C-alpha cells in the first residue's frame, strides 16, 4: 500500500455510526422495561449497551432479572423498535461517502450487534447493501467486544489486519478492534460520549459525520 492508500478494508458499525438510531434504541429499551414492569434503565445505561450481545446487555441493564426473562425483554424491545423504525435515518453524507470509498476500490464491510434479519432489512431499506463486500452480525458468532466479527471479516476478504480499520461509536467497537489487532476510528456523535471514546485510544475520534468522511477521504 502507498501512503495515499492506507487501508484496503474499512469496516463500519451500523447503529450510531452510519444511521442515527441511538435515541430510538434507548427509547425502545425503556418502553420494553415499562411493558414488563421492571426498572427502567437510564439513558446513559441504555446507550452503554448498544452493540453488545443480548446476554451482556441484559446482565448490565437488569442484573436482578432472571435469565429466562431475557427473551421477553428482547421481544418487547423489537416490537417498539420496529414500530418506530421510520424515525431512523442515515447520518448526513453516508451514502455519498460510501460511494466514494467503493469507487476508489476499497473493500467495505459491516460489523454490527444487529441480528442478521435486522441488518438485511436495514440494508435493503437504506439501499446501502450494494456498497458492502461482507457483513457480520451479532447472532452469527461471538458479540462485541470479542474480536470474532473482525476476525471473520479480514479472513473472508483476505486482508492483512494492518490494512483494515474499524469505524464505530462505542467502546465495544474500539475494544473489538484492539482485540483483533485492527486500527480503530471513533465517532463521537453516536451512543458513547467523546471522553469515554478517547480513553479507549482510537487512532482518531471525530465529532461529526462530516469530519468522519473527511478523515476517511484523506486517510483511508
N, C-alpha and C. Protein backbone atom coordinates (compact mmCIF):
# COMPACT_ATOMS: atom_id res chain seq x y z
N UNK A 1 0.83 -1.21 0.00
CA UNK A 1 0.00 0.00 0.00
C UNK A 1 0.87 1.25 0.00
N UNK A 2 0.41 2.28 -0.66
CA UNK A 2 1.09 3.56 -0.63
C UNK A 2 0.55 4.37 0.53
N UNK A 3 1.23 5.50 0.84
CA UNK A 3 0.76 6.37 1.91
C UNK A 3 -0.64 6.90 1.63
N UNK A 4 -0.95 7.06 0.33
CA UNK A 4 -2.27 7.59 -0.03
C UNK A 4 -3.35 6.53 0.08
N UNK A 5 -2.93 5.25 0.18
CA UNK A 5 -3.91 4.18 0.29
C UNK A 5 -3.58 3.37 1.53
N UNK A 6 -3.92 3.95 2.68
CA UNK A 6 -3.51 3.39 3.97
C UNK A 6 -4.24 2.09 4.27
N UNK A 7 -5.51 2.00 3.94
CA UNK A 7 -6.30 0.82 4.28
C UNK A 7 -6.94 0.21 3.04
N UNK A 8 -6.97 -1.10 3.01
CA UNK A 8 -7.68 -1.82 1.97
C UNK A 8 -9.13 -2.08 2.37
N UNK A 9 -9.36 -2.24 3.68
CA UNK A 9 -10.67 -2.61 4.19
C UNK A 9 -11.12 -1.62 5.25
N UNK A 10 -12.32 -1.08 5.07
CA UNK A 10 -12.93 -0.20 6.08
C UNK A 10 -14.19 -0.90 6.58
N UNK A 11 -14.22 -1.18 7.88
CA UNK A 11 -15.35 -1.88 8.50
C UNK A 11 -16.14 -0.88 9.33
N UNK A 12 -17.44 -0.84 9.11
CA UNK A 12 -18.31 0.10 9.82
C UNK A 12 -19.23 -0.63 10.78
N UNK A 13 -19.38 -0.07 11.97
CA UNK A 13 -20.52 -0.39 12.80
C UNK A 13 -21.75 0.19 12.11
N UNK A 14 -22.93 -0.24 12.53
CA UNK A 14 -24.16 0.26 11.90
C UNK A 14 -24.86 1.32 12.75
N UNK A 15 -25.49 0.88 13.85
CA UNK A 15 -26.27 1.82 14.67
C UNK A 15 -25.38 2.84 15.36
N UNK A 16 -25.69 4.12 15.17
CA UNK A 16 -24.92 5.18 15.80
C UNK A 16 -23.69 5.60 15.02
N UNK A 17 -23.37 4.86 13.97
CA UNK A 17 -22.21 5.17 13.14
C UNK A 17 -22.65 5.58 11.73
N UNK A 18 -23.44 4.74 11.10
CA UNK A 18 -23.99 5.06 9.77
C UNK A 18 -25.42 5.56 9.85
N UNK A 19 -26.18 5.08 10.85
CA UNK A 19 -27.57 5.51 10.99
C UNK A 19 -27.79 6.13 12.36
N UNK A 20 -28.63 7.14 12.39
CA UNK A 20 -28.90 7.91 13.62
C UNK A 20 -29.99 7.21 14.42
N UNK A 21 -29.61 6.14 15.09
CA UNK A 21 -30.60 5.27 15.74
C UNK A 21 -30.47 5.18 17.25
N UNK A 22 -29.43 5.78 17.83
CA UNK A 22 -29.18 5.59 19.27
C UNK A 22 -30.36 6.03 20.12
N UNK A 23 -30.93 7.18 19.82
CA UNK A 23 -32.05 7.68 20.63
C UNK A 23 -33.26 6.75 20.54
N UNK A 24 -33.51 6.22 19.36
CA UNK A 24 -34.65 5.31 19.19
C UNK A 24 -34.40 3.98 19.90
N UNK A 25 -33.16 3.50 19.88
CA UNK A 25 -32.82 2.28 20.61
C UNK A 25 -33.05 2.48 22.10
N UNK A 26 -32.58 3.60 22.64
CA UNK A 26 -32.78 3.90 24.06
C UNK A 26 -34.25 3.93 24.40
N UNK A 27 -35.04 4.62 23.61
CA UNK A 27 -36.47 4.72 23.86
C UNK A 27 -37.14 3.35 23.82
N UNK A 28 -36.73 2.52 22.88
CA UNK A 28 -37.32 1.18 22.74
C UNK A 28 -36.97 0.30 23.94
N UNK A 29 -35.74 0.42 24.44
CA UNK A 29 -35.35 -0.33 25.64
C UNK A 29 -36.18 0.10 26.84
N UNK A 30 -36.33 1.39 27.00
CA UNK A 30 -37.08 1.90 28.15
C UNK A 30 -38.55 1.52 28.06
N UNK A 31 -39.13 1.57 26.88
CA UNK A 31 -40.52 1.16 26.72
C UNK A 31 -40.70 -0.34 27.02
N UNK A 32 -39.73 -1.15 26.60
CA UNK A 32 -39.79 -2.58 26.87
C UNK A 32 -39.78 -2.85 28.37
N UNK A 33 -38.94 -2.13 29.10
CA UNK A 33 -38.87 -2.29 30.55
C UNK A 33 -40.21 -1.92 31.20
N UNK A 34 -40.81 -0.85 30.73
CA UNK A 34 -42.11 -0.44 31.30
C UNK A 34 -43.18 -1.48 31.00
N UNK A 35 -43.15 -2.05 29.81
CA UNK A 35 -44.14 -3.08 29.44
C UNK A 35 -44.12 -4.25 30.42
N UNK A 36 -42.91 -4.64 30.83
CA UNK A 36 -42.74 -5.83 31.66
C UNK A 36 -42.73 -5.48 33.14
N UNK A 37 -42.78 -4.19 33.42
CA UNK A 37 -42.81 -3.70 34.80
C UNK A 37 -41.53 -4.06 35.55
N UNK A 38 -40.40 -3.76 34.90
CA UNK A 38 -39.11 -3.89 35.55
C UNK A 38 -38.46 -2.52 35.53
N UNK A 39 -37.47 -2.28 36.40
CA UNK A 39 -36.87 -0.94 36.49
C UNK A 39 -36.39 -0.42 35.14
N UNK A 40 -36.82 0.80 34.82
CA UNK A 40 -36.45 1.40 33.54
C UNK A 40 -35.01 1.91 33.61
N UNK A 41 -34.15 1.48 32.69
CA UNK A 41 -32.75 1.94 32.74
C UNK A 41 -32.64 3.41 32.36
N UNK A 42 -31.59 4.04 32.85
CA UNK A 42 -31.33 5.42 32.49
C UNK A 42 -30.90 5.51 31.02
N UNK A 43 -30.95 6.70 30.49
CA UNK A 43 -30.49 6.89 29.11
C UNK A 43 -29.03 6.50 28.97
N UNK A 44 -28.20 6.90 29.95
CA UNK A 44 -26.77 6.58 29.88
C UNK A 44 -26.54 5.08 29.88
N UNK A 45 -27.26 4.34 30.74
CA UNK A 45 -27.08 2.89 30.79
C UNK A 45 -27.56 2.24 29.50
N UNK A 46 -28.70 2.72 28.97
CA UNK A 46 -29.22 2.15 27.73
C UNK A 46 -28.27 2.43 26.56
N UNK A 47 -27.67 3.61 26.54
CA UNK A 47 -26.70 3.92 25.49
C UNK A 47 -25.46 3.04 25.60
N UNK A 48 -25.07 2.75 26.83
CA UNK A 48 -23.85 1.96 27.03
C UNK A 48 -23.92 0.60 26.37
N UNK A 49 -25.09 -0.04 26.38
CA UNK A 49 -25.17 -1.43 25.92
C UNK A 49 -25.39 -1.56 24.42
N UNK A 50 -25.56 -0.44 23.72
CA UNK A 50 -25.78 -0.51 22.28
C UNK A 50 -24.59 -1.20 21.61
N UNK A 51 -24.88 -2.25 20.87
CA UNK A 51 -23.84 -3.01 20.19
C UNK A 51 -23.46 -4.30 20.88
N UNK A 52 -23.82 -4.45 22.16
CA UNK A 52 -23.50 -5.67 22.89
C UNK A 52 -24.45 -6.80 22.51
N UNK A 53 -24.06 -8.03 22.82
CA UNK A 53 -24.95 -9.17 22.66
C UNK A 53 -26.06 -9.14 23.69
N UNK A 54 -27.10 -9.94 23.47
CA UNK A 54 -28.28 -9.92 24.33
C UNK A 54 -27.93 -10.21 25.79
N UNK A 55 -27.17 -11.26 26.05
CA UNK A 55 -26.89 -11.64 27.43
C UNK A 55 -26.10 -10.56 28.15
N UNK A 56 -25.06 -10.04 27.50
CA UNK A 56 -24.26 -8.98 28.13
C UNK A 56 -25.10 -7.74 28.39
N UNK A 57 -25.96 -7.40 27.44
CA UNK A 57 -26.81 -6.22 27.59
C UNK A 57 -27.79 -6.40 28.75
N UNK A 58 -28.43 -7.56 28.82
CA UNK A 58 -29.41 -7.80 29.88
C UNK A 58 -28.75 -7.83 31.26
N UNK A 59 -27.58 -8.45 31.34
CA UNK A 59 -26.88 -8.52 32.63
C UNK A 59 -26.47 -7.13 33.10
N UNK A 60 -26.13 -6.26 32.17
CA UNK A 60 -25.74 -4.90 32.54
C UNK A 60 -26.95 -4.05 32.94
N UNK A 61 -28.02 -4.14 32.17
CA UNK A 61 -29.19 -3.30 32.41
C UNK A 61 -30.07 -3.81 33.56
N UNK A 62 -30.22 -5.12 33.64
CA UNK A 62 -31.16 -5.71 34.58
C UNK A 62 -30.48 -6.83 35.38
N UNK A 63 -29.54 -6.47 36.26
CA UNK A 63 -28.75 -7.50 36.96
C UNK A 63 -29.57 -8.44 37.84
N UNK A 64 -30.75 -8.00 38.27
CA UNK A 64 -31.58 -8.85 39.13
C UNK A 64 -32.58 -9.69 38.34
N UNK A 65 -32.61 -9.53 37.03
CA UNK A 65 -33.60 -10.21 36.20
C UNK A 65 -33.16 -11.65 35.91
N UNK A 66 -34.08 -12.59 36.04
CA UNK A 66 -33.79 -13.99 35.73
C UNK A 66 -33.51 -14.13 34.23
N UNK A 67 -32.56 -14.99 33.91
CA UNK A 67 -32.15 -15.15 32.51
C UNK A 67 -33.29 -15.61 31.62
N UNK A 68 -34.25 -16.35 32.18
CA UNK A 68 -35.35 -16.82 31.32
C UNK A 68 -36.31 -15.69 30.93
N UNK A 69 -36.08 -14.49 31.50
CA UNK A 69 -36.88 -13.32 31.12
C UNK A 69 -36.24 -12.54 29.97
N UNK A 70 -34.97 -12.81 29.66
CA UNK A 70 -34.29 -12.04 28.62
C UNK A 70 -35.02 -12.07 27.28
N UNK A 71 -35.50 -13.24 26.82
CA UNK A 71 -36.21 -13.24 25.53
C UNK A 71 -37.46 -12.37 25.53
N UNK A 72 -38.13 -12.30 26.66
CA UNK A 72 -39.34 -11.47 26.72
C UNK A 72 -38.98 -9.99 26.59
N UNK A 73 -37.91 -9.57 27.27
CA UNK A 73 -37.47 -8.18 27.14
C UNK A 73 -37.08 -7.91 25.69
N UNK A 74 -36.34 -8.84 25.09
CA UNK A 74 -35.91 -8.66 23.70
C UNK A 74 -37.09 -8.58 22.76
N UNK A 75 -38.12 -9.39 23.00
CA UNK A 75 -39.31 -9.35 22.15
C UNK A 75 -40.01 -8.00 22.23
N UNK A 76 -40.14 -7.48 23.44
CA UNK A 76 -40.79 -6.17 23.60
C UNK A 76 -39.94 -5.06 22.98
N UNK A 77 -38.62 -5.19 23.13
CA UNK A 77 -37.73 -4.21 22.51
C UNK A 77 -37.92 -4.21 21.00
N UNK A 78 -37.91 -5.38 20.39
CA UNK A 78 -38.08 -5.46 18.94
C UNK A 78 -39.42 -4.86 18.50
N UNK A 79 -40.45 -5.12 19.29
CA UNK A 79 -41.77 -4.57 18.97
C UNK A 79 -41.71 -3.04 18.87
N UNK A 80 -41.14 -2.42 19.88
CA UNK A 80 -41.09 -0.96 19.89
C UNK A 80 -40.12 -0.42 18.85
N UNK A 81 -39.00 -1.12 18.64
CA UNK A 81 -38.04 -0.64 17.64
C UNK A 81 -38.67 -0.65 16.25
N UNK A 82 -39.31 -1.75 15.90
CA UNK A 82 -39.91 -1.85 14.58
C UNK A 82 -41.07 -0.88 14.41
N UNK A 83 -41.82 -0.66 15.49
CA UNK A 83 -42.95 0.26 15.43
C UNK A 83 -42.51 1.68 15.07
N UNK A 84 -41.34 2.06 15.55
CA UNK A 84 -40.86 3.42 15.30
C UNK A 84 -39.66 3.50 14.39
N UNK A 85 -39.39 2.42 13.66
CA UNK A 85 -38.17 2.35 12.85
C UNK A 85 -38.12 3.44 11.78
N UNK A 86 -39.27 3.98 11.42
CA UNK A 86 -39.30 5.02 10.39
C UNK A 86 -38.55 6.29 10.81
N UNK A 87 -38.30 6.45 12.13
CA UNK A 87 -37.59 7.66 12.58
C UNK A 87 -36.09 7.53 12.38
N UNK A 88 -35.61 6.33 12.11
CA UNK A 88 -34.17 6.08 11.97
C UNK A 88 -33.73 6.47 10.56
N UNK A 89 -32.80 7.40 10.49
CA UNK A 89 -32.32 7.90 9.19
C UNK A 89 -30.79 7.78 9.10
N UNK A 90 -30.29 7.76 7.89
CA UNK A 90 -28.85 7.80 7.68
C UNK A 90 -28.30 9.14 8.17
N UNK A 91 -27.10 9.11 8.76
CA UNK A 91 -26.43 10.36 9.03
C UNK A 91 -26.07 11.04 7.71
N UNK A 92 -25.98 12.34 7.75
CA UNK A 92 -25.68 13.11 6.54
C UNK A 92 -24.34 12.68 5.95
N UNK A 93 -24.33 12.49 4.65
CA UNK A 93 -23.10 12.19 3.93
C UNK A 93 -22.75 10.72 3.83
N UNK A 94 -23.55 9.84 4.45
CA UNK A 94 -23.20 8.42 4.48
C UNK A 94 -23.20 7.80 3.08
N UNK A 95 -24.28 7.98 2.35
CA UNK A 95 -24.37 7.35 1.03
C UNK A 95 -23.27 7.85 0.10
N UNK A 96 -23.04 9.16 0.09
CA UNK A 96 -22.00 9.72 -0.78
C UNK A 96 -20.61 9.26 -0.34
N UNK A 97 -20.40 9.21 0.97
CA UNK A 97 -19.10 8.79 1.48
C UNK A 97 -18.79 7.34 1.15
N UNK A 98 -19.78 6.47 1.33
CA UNK A 98 -19.59 5.07 0.98
C UNK A 98 -19.36 4.91 -0.52
N UNK A 99 -20.08 5.68 -1.31
CA UNK A 99 -19.93 5.60 -2.77
C UNK A 99 -18.50 5.97 -3.18
N UNK A 100 -17.93 6.99 -2.55
CA UNK A 100 -16.56 7.40 -2.89
C UNK A 100 -15.56 6.30 -2.53
N UNK A 101 -15.70 5.75 -1.33
CA UNK A 101 -14.78 4.69 -0.91
C UNK A 101 -14.90 3.47 -1.82
N UNK A 102 -16.13 3.12 -2.14
CA UNK A 102 -16.38 1.97 -3.00
C UNK A 102 -15.77 2.19 -4.38
N UNK A 103 -15.97 3.38 -4.92
CA UNK A 103 -15.45 3.69 -6.25
C UNK A 103 -13.92 3.71 -6.27
N UNK A 104 -13.31 4.01 -5.13
CA UNK A 104 -11.85 4.08 -5.05
C UNK A 104 -11.22 2.70 -4.96
N UNK A 105 -12.05 1.66 -4.85
CA UNK A 105 -11.53 0.30 -4.80
C UNK A 105 -11.38 -0.27 -3.41
N UNK A 106 -11.79 0.48 -2.38
CA UNK A 106 -11.71 -0.05 -1.03
C UNK A 106 -12.72 -1.18 -0.85
N UNK A 107 -12.34 -2.13 -0.01
CA UNK A 107 -13.29 -3.13 0.45
C UNK A 107 -14.05 -2.54 1.64
N UNK A 108 -15.36 -2.72 1.66
CA UNK A 108 -16.19 -2.17 2.73
C UNK A 108 -16.97 -3.29 3.39
N UNK A 109 -17.13 -3.20 4.70
CA UNK A 109 -17.84 -4.24 5.44
C UNK A 109 -18.58 -3.63 6.61
N UNK A 110 -19.48 -4.41 7.20
CA UNK A 110 -20.23 -4.02 8.39
C UNK A 110 -20.00 -5.06 9.47
N UNK A 111 -19.75 -4.59 10.69
CA UNK A 111 -19.69 -5.45 11.88
C UNK A 111 -20.65 -4.85 12.89
N UNK A 112 -21.75 -5.54 13.15
CA UNK A 112 -22.83 -4.95 13.94
C UNK A 112 -23.41 -5.93 14.95
N UNK A 113 -23.90 -5.36 16.03
CA UNK A 113 -24.61 -6.16 17.01
C UNK A 113 -26.03 -6.49 16.58
N UNK A 114 -26.49 -5.95 15.47
CA UNK A 114 -27.83 -6.25 14.98
C UNK A 114 -27.91 -7.73 14.59
N UNK A 115 -29.11 -8.25 14.58
CA UNK A 115 -29.32 -9.61 14.07
C UNK A 115 -29.14 -9.61 12.56
N UNK A 116 -28.92 -10.79 11.99
CA UNK A 116 -28.83 -10.90 10.53
C UNK A 116 -30.11 -10.42 9.88
N UNK A 117 -31.24 -10.81 10.42
CA UNK A 117 -32.51 -10.37 9.86
C UNK A 117 -32.65 -8.86 9.91
N UNK A 118 -32.23 -8.27 11.05
CA UNK A 118 -32.33 -6.83 11.19
C UNK A 118 -31.41 -6.08 10.26
N UNK A 119 -30.18 -6.55 10.10
CA UNK A 119 -29.25 -5.87 9.20
C UNK A 119 -29.70 -6.00 7.76
N UNK A 120 -30.13 -7.19 7.35
CA UNK A 120 -30.57 -7.36 5.97
C UNK A 120 -31.73 -6.42 5.65
N UNK A 121 -32.64 -6.29 6.60
CA UNK A 121 -33.76 -5.37 6.39
C UNK A 121 -33.27 -3.93 6.27
N UNK A 122 -32.32 -3.55 7.13
CA UNK A 122 -31.80 -2.19 7.10
C UNK A 122 -31.04 -1.91 5.81
N UNK A 123 -30.26 -2.87 5.35
CA UNK A 123 -29.51 -2.68 4.10
C UNK A 123 -30.45 -2.50 2.91
N UNK A 124 -31.53 -3.26 2.92
CA UNK A 124 -32.49 -3.14 1.82
C UNK A 124 -33.23 -1.81 1.88
N UNK A 125 -33.65 -1.41 3.08
CA UNK A 125 -34.43 -0.18 3.21
C UNK A 125 -33.61 1.06 2.92
N UNK A 126 -32.33 1.04 3.29
CA UNK A 126 -31.48 2.21 3.05
C UNK A 126 -30.86 2.20 1.65
N UNK A 127 -30.84 1.04 1.02
CA UNK A 127 -30.20 0.93 -0.28
C UNK A 127 -28.68 0.87 -0.22
N UNK A 128 -28.11 0.67 0.97
CA UNK A 128 -26.66 0.67 1.10
C UNK A 128 -26.01 -0.69 0.85
N UNK A 129 -26.82 -1.72 0.72
CA UNK A 129 -26.26 -3.06 0.57
C UNK A 129 -25.30 -3.19 -0.59
N UNK A 130 -25.49 -2.41 -1.64
CA UNK A 130 -24.65 -2.52 -2.83
C UNK A 130 -23.21 -2.11 -2.59
N UNK A 131 -22.94 -1.41 -1.49
CA UNK A 131 -21.59 -0.94 -1.23
C UNK A 131 -20.72 -1.94 -0.47
N UNK A 132 -21.33 -2.91 0.20
CA UNK A 132 -20.58 -3.74 1.13
C UNK A 132 -20.20 -5.09 0.53
N UNK A 133 -18.95 -5.47 0.77
CA UNK A 133 -18.42 -6.72 0.26
C UNK A 133 -18.65 -7.88 1.24
N UNK A 134 -18.87 -7.57 2.52
CA UNK A 134 -19.13 -8.59 3.51
C UNK A 134 -19.76 -7.94 4.73
N UNK A 135 -20.54 -8.71 5.48
CA UNK A 135 -21.13 -8.22 6.72
C UNK A 135 -21.11 -9.33 7.75
N UNK A 136 -21.10 -8.94 9.02
CA UNK A 136 -21.11 -9.91 10.11
C UNK A 136 -21.98 -9.35 11.24
N UNK A 137 -22.87 -10.21 11.77
CA UNK A 137 -23.86 -9.76 12.74
C UNK A 137 -23.67 -10.42 14.10
N UNK A 138 -24.33 -9.84 15.09
CA UNK A 138 -24.17 -10.28 16.46
C UNK A 138 -24.69 -11.66 16.74
N UNK A 139 -25.59 -12.18 15.90
CA UNK A 139 -26.14 -13.52 16.14
C UNK A 139 -25.45 -14.59 15.28
N UNK A 140 -24.29 -14.24 14.70
CA UNK A 140 -23.59 -15.19 13.84
C UNK A 140 -22.28 -15.70 14.45
N UNK A 141 -21.97 -15.25 15.64
CA UNK A 141 -20.73 -15.65 16.30
C UNK A 141 -20.68 -15.01 17.67
N UNK A 142 -19.49 -14.68 18.12
CA UNK A 142 -19.36 -14.01 19.41
C UNK A 142 -19.66 -12.52 19.23
N UNK A 143 -20.41 -11.92 20.15
CA UNK A 143 -20.73 -10.49 20.03
C UNK A 143 -19.56 -9.61 20.46
N UNK A 144 -19.66 -8.33 20.15
CA UNK A 144 -18.67 -7.35 20.60
C UNK A 144 -18.64 -7.35 22.14
N UNK A 145 -17.47 -7.11 22.74
CA UNK A 145 -16.18 -6.71 22.14
C UNK A 145 -15.26 -7.87 21.76
N UNK A 146 -15.76 -9.08 21.72
CA UNK A 146 -14.96 -10.21 21.24
C UNK A 146 -14.51 -9.92 19.80
N UNK A 147 -13.31 -10.30 19.41
CA UNK A 147 -12.80 -9.98 18.06
C UNK A 147 -13.41 -10.80 16.93
N UNK A 148 -14.34 -11.70 17.24
CA UNK A 148 -14.84 -12.65 16.24
C UNK A 148 -15.31 -11.99 14.95
N UNK A 149 -16.06 -10.90 15.05
CA UNK A 149 -16.59 -10.27 13.84
C UNK A 149 -15.47 -9.81 12.92
N UNK A 150 -14.47 -9.14 13.49
CA UNK A 150 -13.37 -8.66 12.67
C UNK A 150 -12.48 -9.81 12.20
N UNK A 151 -12.29 -10.81 13.06
CA UNK A 151 -11.55 -11.99 12.62
C UNK A 151 -12.19 -12.60 11.38
N UNK A 152 -13.51 -12.72 11.42
CA UNK A 152 -14.24 -13.29 10.28
C UNK A 152 -14.06 -12.43 9.03
N UNK A 153 -14.22 -11.11 9.17
CA UNK A 153 -14.21 -10.23 8.00
C UNK A 153 -12.84 -10.16 7.34
N UNK A 154 -11.77 -10.06 8.13
CA UNK A 154 -10.45 -9.98 7.49
C UNK A 154 -10.09 -11.30 6.83
N UNK A 155 -10.54 -12.41 7.41
CA UNK A 155 -10.30 -13.70 6.77
C UNK A 155 -11.14 -13.87 5.51
N UNK A 156 -12.42 -13.49 5.60
CA UNK A 156 -13.33 -13.61 4.46
C UNK A 156 -12.84 -12.80 3.26
N UNK A 157 -12.33 -11.60 3.53
CA UNK A 157 -11.91 -10.71 2.46
C UNK A 157 -10.42 -10.78 2.19
N UNK A 158 -9.71 -11.66 2.91
CA UNK A 158 -8.29 -11.93 2.69
C UNK A 158 -7.45 -10.65 2.74
N UNK A 159 -7.62 -9.92 3.85
CA UNK A 159 -6.91 -8.66 4.06
C UNK A 159 -6.04 -8.80 5.31
N UNK A 160 -4.84 -8.24 5.25
CA UNK A 160 -3.98 -8.19 6.44
C UNK A 160 -4.61 -7.27 7.49
N UNK A 161 -4.43 -7.60 8.74
CA UNK A 161 -5.04 -6.79 9.80
C UNK A 161 -4.50 -5.36 9.80
N UNK A 162 -3.25 -5.20 9.42
CA UNK A 162 -2.67 -3.86 9.35
C UNK A 162 -3.28 -3.02 8.25
N UNK A 163 -4.01 -3.66 7.33
CA UNK A 163 -4.64 -2.96 6.21
C UNK A 163 -6.14 -2.76 6.44
N UNK A 164 -6.61 -2.97 7.68
CA UNK A 164 -8.03 -2.82 7.98
C UNK A 164 -8.23 -1.78 9.08
N UNK A 165 -9.37 -1.11 9.04
CA UNK A 165 -9.71 -0.14 10.08
C UNK A 165 -11.19 -0.31 10.44
N UNK A 166 -11.49 -0.22 11.73
CA UNK A 166 -12.86 -0.33 12.25
C UNK A 166 -13.36 1.05 12.62
N UNK A 167 -14.57 1.39 12.18
CA UNK A 167 -15.19 2.68 12.49
C UNK A 167 -16.42 2.43 13.35
N UNK A 168 -16.46 2.99 14.56
CA UNK A 168 -17.60 2.75 15.42
C UNK A 168 -17.82 3.84 16.45
N UNK A 169 -19.01 3.80 17.06
CA UNK A 169 -19.41 4.85 18.01
C UNK A 169 -19.40 4.41 19.46
N UNK A 170 -18.91 3.20 19.76
CA UNK A 170 -18.90 2.71 21.14
C UNK A 170 -17.53 2.15 21.50
N UNK A 171 -17.29 2.08 22.81
CA UNK A 171 -16.06 1.45 23.27
C UNK A 171 -16.04 -0.03 22.93
N UNK A 172 -17.23 -0.63 22.75
CA UNK A 172 -17.28 -2.04 22.36
C UNK A 172 -16.63 -2.23 20.99
N UNK A 173 -16.87 -1.27 20.08
CA UNK A 173 -16.24 -1.33 18.76
C UNK A 173 -14.72 -1.19 18.88
N UNK A 174 -14.29 -0.26 19.71
CA UNK A 174 -12.86 0.02 19.85
C UNK A 174 -12.14 -1.13 20.53
N UNK A 175 -12.77 -1.73 21.54
CA UNK A 175 -12.17 -2.88 22.22
C UNK A 175 -12.11 -4.09 21.29
N UNK A 176 -13.13 -4.26 20.47
CA UNK A 176 -13.11 -5.34 19.49
C UNK A 176 -11.94 -5.16 18.52
N UNK A 177 -11.76 -3.93 18.04
CA UNK A 177 -10.67 -3.65 17.11
C UNK A 177 -9.32 -3.94 17.76
N UNK A 178 -9.15 -3.50 19.00
CA UNK A 178 -7.89 -3.75 19.69
C UNK A 178 -7.63 -5.24 19.83
N UNK A 179 -8.66 -5.98 20.22
CA UNK A 179 -8.51 -7.43 20.39
C UNK A 179 -8.18 -8.13 19.09
N UNK A 180 -8.63 -7.54 17.96
CA UNK A 180 -8.37 -8.13 16.64
C UNK A 180 -7.11 -7.58 15.98
N UNK A 181 -6.40 -6.68 16.69
CA UNK A 181 -5.19 -6.04 16.14
C UNK A 181 -5.48 -5.25 14.87
N UNK A 182 -6.60 -4.51 14.93
CA UNK A 182 -7.04 -3.68 13.82
C UNK A 182 -7.13 -2.23 14.31
N UNK A 183 -6.73 -1.27 13.48
CA UNK A 183 -6.88 0.14 13.84
C UNK A 183 -8.35 0.50 14.03
N UNK A 184 -8.59 1.58 14.80
CA UNK A 184 -9.96 1.99 15.06
C UNK A 184 -10.12 3.49 14.93
N UNK A 185 -11.28 3.89 14.40
CA UNK A 185 -11.71 5.29 14.35
C UNK A 185 -12.98 5.39 15.17
N UNK A 186 -13.01 6.33 16.12
CA UNK A 186 -14.19 6.53 16.95
C UNK A 186 -14.99 7.71 16.43
N UNK A 187 -16.31 7.55 16.42
CA UNK A 187 -17.21 8.65 16.07
C UNK A 187 -17.99 9.04 17.32
N UNK A 188 -17.92 10.32 17.67
CA UNK A 188 -18.48 10.80 18.93
C UNK A 188 -19.86 11.42 18.78
N UNK A 189 -20.57 11.04 17.72
CA UNK A 189 -21.91 11.56 17.51
C UNK A 189 -22.97 10.47 17.68
N UNK A 190 -22.57 9.31 18.21
CA UNK A 190 -23.49 8.18 18.35
C UNK A 190 -23.85 7.89 19.78
N UNK A 191 -23.58 6.65 20.24
CA UNK A 191 -24.06 6.21 21.55
C UNK A 191 -23.17 6.62 22.71
N UNK A 192 -21.84 6.58 22.54
CA UNK A 192 -20.94 6.85 23.66
C UNK A 192 -20.33 8.24 23.55
N UNK A 193 -20.03 8.83 24.71
CA UNK A 193 -19.56 10.20 24.74
C UNK A 193 -18.07 10.29 24.34
N UNK A 194 -17.64 11.48 23.91
CA UNK A 194 -16.27 11.64 23.41
C UNK A 194 -15.20 11.28 24.44
N UNK A 195 -15.38 11.66 25.69
CA UNK A 195 -14.37 11.39 26.70
C UNK A 195 -14.15 9.88 26.87
N UNK A 196 -15.25 9.13 26.93
CA UNK A 196 -15.16 7.68 27.07
C UNK A 196 -14.48 7.07 25.86
N UNK A 197 -14.82 7.54 24.68
CA UNK A 197 -14.22 7.00 23.45
C UNK A 197 -12.73 7.30 23.39
N UNK A 198 -12.34 8.52 23.71
CA UNK A 198 -10.92 8.88 23.62
C UNK A 198 -10.09 8.10 24.62
N UNK A 199 -10.68 7.76 25.77
CA UNK A 199 -9.96 6.97 26.77
C UNK A 199 -9.58 5.60 26.24
N UNK A 200 -10.33 5.12 25.24
CA UNK A 200 -10.03 3.81 24.63
C UNK A 200 -8.94 3.89 23.59
N UNK A 201 -8.42 5.10 23.34
CA UNK A 201 -7.26 5.35 22.48
C UNK A 201 -7.43 4.87 21.03
N UNK A 202 -8.47 5.33 20.36
CA UNK A 202 -8.57 5.05 18.91
C UNK A 202 -7.51 5.84 18.16
N UNK A 203 -7.35 5.53 16.90
CA UNK A 203 -6.40 6.31 16.10
C UNK A 203 -6.83 7.77 16.03
N UNK A 204 -8.14 7.99 15.91
CA UNK A 204 -8.69 9.33 15.89
C UNK A 204 -10.12 9.26 16.40
N UNK A 205 -10.60 10.36 16.97
CA UNK A 205 -12.00 10.46 17.40
C UNK A 205 -12.59 11.69 16.73
N UNK A 206 -13.59 11.49 15.89
CA UNK A 206 -14.20 12.60 15.14
C UNK A 206 -15.54 12.96 15.76
N UNK A 207 -15.92 14.22 15.64
CA UNK A 207 -17.10 14.69 16.36
C UNK A 207 -18.33 14.92 15.50
N UNK A 208 -18.24 14.60 14.21
CA UNK A 208 -19.39 14.81 13.33
C UNK A 208 -19.29 13.87 12.14
N UNK A 209 -20.42 13.56 11.50
CA UNK A 209 -20.36 12.76 10.28
C UNK A 209 -19.47 13.39 9.21
N UNK A 210 -19.55 14.70 9.06
CA UNK A 210 -18.74 15.37 8.05
C UNK A 210 -17.25 15.16 8.33
N UNK A 211 -16.87 15.22 9.61
CA UNK A 211 -15.46 15.03 9.97
C UNK A 211 -15.02 13.59 9.69
N UNK A 212 -15.93 12.63 9.90
CA UNK A 212 -15.59 11.24 9.61
C UNK A 212 -15.25 11.07 8.14
N UNK A 213 -16.12 11.55 7.27
CA UNK A 213 -15.89 11.33 5.85
C UNK A 213 -14.69 12.10 5.35
N UNK A 214 -14.40 13.26 5.91
CA UNK A 214 -13.16 13.98 5.55
C UNK A 214 -11.94 13.14 5.93
N UNK A 215 -11.99 12.58 7.16
CA UNK A 215 -10.85 11.78 7.61
C UNK A 215 -10.66 10.55 6.73
N UNK A 216 -11.74 9.87 6.42
CA UNK A 216 -11.64 8.68 5.58
C UNK A 216 -11.16 9.03 4.17
N UNK A 217 -11.65 10.13 3.62
CA UNK A 217 -11.19 10.56 2.29
C UNK A 217 -9.69 10.82 2.29
N UNK A 218 -9.17 11.36 3.39
CA UNK A 218 -7.76 11.74 3.45
C UNK A 218 -6.83 10.62 3.91
N UNK A 219 -7.37 9.65 4.67
CA UNK A 219 -6.52 8.66 5.31
C UNK A 219 -6.79 7.21 4.93
N UNK A 220 -7.99 6.94 4.43
CA UNK A 220 -8.31 5.57 4.06
C UNK A 220 -8.03 5.30 2.59
